[in-house]
Amino acid sequence: HRLVEQGTFLTVEMARAISLKTLFKKVWLINNKTNKIPMIQFQIALKYVGIEADMAEVAWSLAVMIQKGLIRGYLSEAKLFVVFSTKDAFPVKSSN
């Protein structure tokens, strides 16, 4: 409630989204920009930066980022992979 009262909640959420996008992009870059990456690698990256997340939370975070247009691709939940677009997997969002 305090963040909402102070008017900083949206700023914190935007910073979180940008941070996750940057972290997930680094996972993609480490994997030589391959378009199919196991979700466990994103879970490991989150753990590395101090965020404990089960696979459902990892999938949810990725799904939200895809829905918001921060990542282009889809989740293959049956095989626990993220399948990235071969063109512009991490688009730059314009401010207009």
C-alpha atoms as a PDB file:
ATOM      1  CA  HIS A   1       0.000   0.000   0.000  1.00  0.00           C
ATOM      2  CA  ARG A   2       2.794   2.398   0.821  1.00  0.00           C
ATOM      3  CA  LEU A   3       4.225   2.291  -2.725  1.00  0.00           C
ATOM      4  CA  VAL A   4       0.787   3.066  -4.153  1.00  0.00           C
ATOM      5  CA  GLU A   5       0.314   5.941  -1.722  1.00  0.00           C
ATOM      6  CA  GLN A   6       3.699   7.360  -2.640  1.00  0.00           C
ATOM      7  CA  GLY A   7       2.948   7.018  -6.341  1.00  0.00           C
ATOM      8  CA  THR A   8       5.984   4.823  -6.955  1.00  0.00           C
ATOM      9  CA  PHE A   9       4.349   1.435  -7.544  1.00  0.00           C
ATOM     10  CA  LEU A  10       4.255   1.753 -11.348  1.00  0.00           C
ATOM     11  CA  THR A  11       7.845   2.966 -11.431  1.00  0.00           C
ATOM     12  CA  VAL A  12       8.991  -0.033  -9.395  1.00  0.00           C
ATOM     13  CA  GLU A  13       7.018  -2.424 -11.622  1.00  0.00           C
ATOM     14  CA  MET A  14       8.479  -0.848 -14.792  1.00  0.00           C
ATOM     15  CA  ALA A  15      12.005  -1.129 -13.377  1.00  0.00           C
ATOM     16  CA  ARG A  16      11.351  -4.779 -12.513  1.00  0.00           C
ATOM     17  CA  ALA A  17      10.139  -5.534 -16.050  1.00  0.00           C
ATOM     18  CA  ILE A  18      13.179  -3.826 -17.593  1.00  0.00           C
ATOM     19  CA  SER A  19      15.524  -5.713 -15.251  1.00  0.00           C
ATOM     20  CA  LEU A  20      13.942  -9.069 -16.067  1.00  0.00           C
ATOM     21  CA  LYS A  21      14.055  -8.323 -19.790  1.00  0.00           C
ATOM     22  CA  THR A  22      17.757  -7.478 -19.517  1.00  0.00           C
ATOM     23  CA  LEU A  23      18.480 -10.651 -17.530  1.00  0.00           C
ATOM     24  CA  PHE A  24      16.511 -12.855 -19.928  1.00  0.00           C
ATOM     25  CA  LYS A  25      18.195 -11.233 -22.920  1.00  0.00           C
ATOM     26  CA  LYS A  26      21.576 -12.086 -21.394  1.00  0.00           C
ATOM     27  CA  VAL A  27      20.484 -15.733 -21.131  1.00  0.00           C
ATOM     28  CA  TRP A  28      19.529 -15.586 -24.825  1.00  0.00           C
ATOM     29  CA  LEU A  29      22.884 -13.986 -25.751  1.00  0.00           C
ATOM     30  CA  ILE A  30      24.860 -16.545 -23.722  1.00  0.00           C
ATOM     31  CA  ASN A  31      23.042 -19.208 -25.746  1.00  0.00           C
ATOM     32  CA  ASN A  32      24.301 -17.615 -28.994  1.00  0.00           C
ATOM     33  CA  LYS A  33      20.869 -16.146 -29.796  1.00  0.00           C
ATOM     34  CA  THR A  34      19.438 -19.588 -30.359  1.00  0.00           C
ATOM     35  CA  ASN A  35      15.675 -19.530 -30.718  1.00  0.00           C
ATOM     36  CA  LYS A  36      14.932 -22.490 -28.397  1.00  0.00           C
ATOM     37  CA  ILE A  37      16.152 -22.340 -24.787  1.00  0.00           C
ATOM     38  CA  PRO A  38      15.134 -24.556 -21.840  1.00  0.00           C
ATOM     39  CA  MET A  39      13.191 -22.628 -19.176  1.00  0.00           C
ATOM     40  CA  ILE A  40      15.494 -24.012 -16.499  1.00  0.00           C
ATOM     41  CA  GLN A  41      18.223 -21.695 -17.792  1.00  0.00           C
ATOM     42  CA  PHE A  42      16.028 -18.698 -16.944  1.00  0.00           C
ATOM     43  CA  GLN A  43      15.359 -20.205 -13.516  1.00  0.00           C
ATOM     44  CA  ILE A  44      19.113 -20.542 -12.967  1.00  0.00           C
ATOM     45  CA  ALA A  45      19.653 -16.918 -14.040  1.00  0.00           C
ATOM     46  CA  LEU A  46      17.002 -15.735 -11.584  1.00  0.00           C
ATOM     47  CA  LYS A  47      18.624 -17.759  -8.807  1.00  0.00           C
ATOM     48  CA  TYR A  48      22.007 -16.227  -9.711  1.00  0.00           C
ATOM     49  CA  VAL A  49      20.613 -12.726  -9.061  1.00  0.00           C
ATOM     50  CA  GLY A  50      18.960 -13.832  -5.808  1.00  0.00           C
ATOM     51  CA  ILE A  51      15.410 -14.618  -6.931  1.00  0.00           C
ATOM     52  CA  GLU A  52      14.141 -18.056  -5.931  1.00  0.00           C
ATOM     53  CA  ALA A  53      11.405 -19.046  -8.391  1.00  0.00           C
ATOM     54  CA  ASP A  54       9.811 -22.374  -9.169  1.00  0.00           C
ATOM     55  CA  MET A  55       9.229 -23.353 -12.792  1.00  0.00           C
ATOM     56  CA  ALA A  56       5.628 -22.101 -12.733  1.00  0.00           C
ATOM     57  CA  GLU A  57       6.836 -18.634 -11.663  1.00  0.00           C
ATOM     58  CA  VAL A  58       9.502 -18.645 -14.374  1.00  0.00           C
ATOM     59  CA  ALA A  59       6.915 -19.601 -17.002  1.00  0.00           C
ATOM     60  CA  TRP A  60       4.533 -16.922 -15.695  1.00  0.00           C
ATOM     61  CA  SER A  61       7.244 -14.218 -15.839  1.00  0.00           C
ATOM     62  CA  LEU A  62       8.136 -15.189 -19.399  1.00  0.00           C
ATOM     63  CA  ALA A  63       4.466 -15.338 -20.432  1.00  0.00           C
ATOM     64  CA  VAL A  64       3.798 -11.857 -19.045  1.00  0.00           C
ATOM     65  CA  MET A  65       6.823 -10.470 -20.881  1.00  0.00           C
ATOM     66  CA  ILE A  66       5.642 -12.087 -24.130  1.00  0.00           C
ATOM     67  CA  GLN A  67       2.121 -10.721 -23.575  1.00  0.00           C
ATOM     68  CA  LYS A  68       3.499  -7.206 -22.961  1.00  0.00           C
ATOM     69  CA  GLY A  69       5.572  -7.392 -26.141  1.00  0.00           C
ATOM     70  CA  LEU A  70       8.905  -7.239 -24.324  1.00  0.00           C
ATOM     71  CA  ILE A  71       9.841 -10.638 -25.773  1.00  0.00           C
ATOM     72  CA  ARG A  72       8.750 -12.127 -29.086  1.00  0.00           C
ATOM     73  CA  GLY A  73       8.161 -15.835 -28.995  1.00  0.00           C
ATOM     74  CA  TYR A  74       6.089 -18.436 -27.214  1.00  0.00           C
ATOM     75  CA  LEU A  75       6.322 -20.975 -24.418  1.00  0.00           C
ATOM     76  CA  SER A  76       6.392 -24.674 -25.112  1.00  0.00           C
ATOM     77  CA  GLU A  77       5.183 -25.722 -21.684  1.00  0.00           C
ATOM     78  CA  ALA A  78       5.002 -29.404 -22.610  1.00  0.00           C
ATOM     79  CA  LYS A  79       8.744 -29.428 -23.249  1.00  0.00           C
ATOM     80  CA  LEU A  80       9.590 -26.519 -20.877  1.00  0.00           C
ATOM     81  CA  PHE A  81      11.252 -24.422 -23.578  1.00  0.00           C
ATOM     82  CA  VAL A  82      11.034 -20.803 -24.640  1.00  0.00           C
ATOM     83  CA  VAL A  83      10.916 -20.493 -28.413  1.00  0.00           C
ATOM     84  CA  PHE A  84      12.091 -17.047 -29.485  1.00  0.00           C
ATOM     85  CA  SER A  85      11.243 -15.286 -32.706  1.00  0.00           C
ATOM     86  CA  THR A  86      14.113 -15.519 -35.173  1.00  0.00           C
ATOM     87  CA  LYS A  87      13.565 -11.836 -35.970  1.00  0.00           C
ATOM     88  CA  ASP A  88      13.790  -9.221 -33.208  1.00  0.00           C
ATOM     89  CA  ALA A  89      13.362 -11.518 -30.192  1.00  0.00           C
ATOM     90  CA  PHE A  90      13.795  -8.566 -27.804  1.00  0.00           C
ATOM     91  CA  PRO A  91      12.161  -5.584 -29.526  1.00  0.00           C
ATOM     92  CA  VAL A  92      12.808  -2.038 -28.418  1.00  0.00           C
ATOM     93  CA  LYS A  93       9.504  -0.520 -27.348  1.00  0.00           C
ATOM     94  CA  SER A  94       8.916   3.013 -28.603  1.00  0.00           C
ATOM     95  CA  SER A  95       7.622   5.605 -26.169  1.00  0.00           C
ATOM     96  CA  ASN A  96       4.826   6.838 -28.458  1.00  0.00           C
END
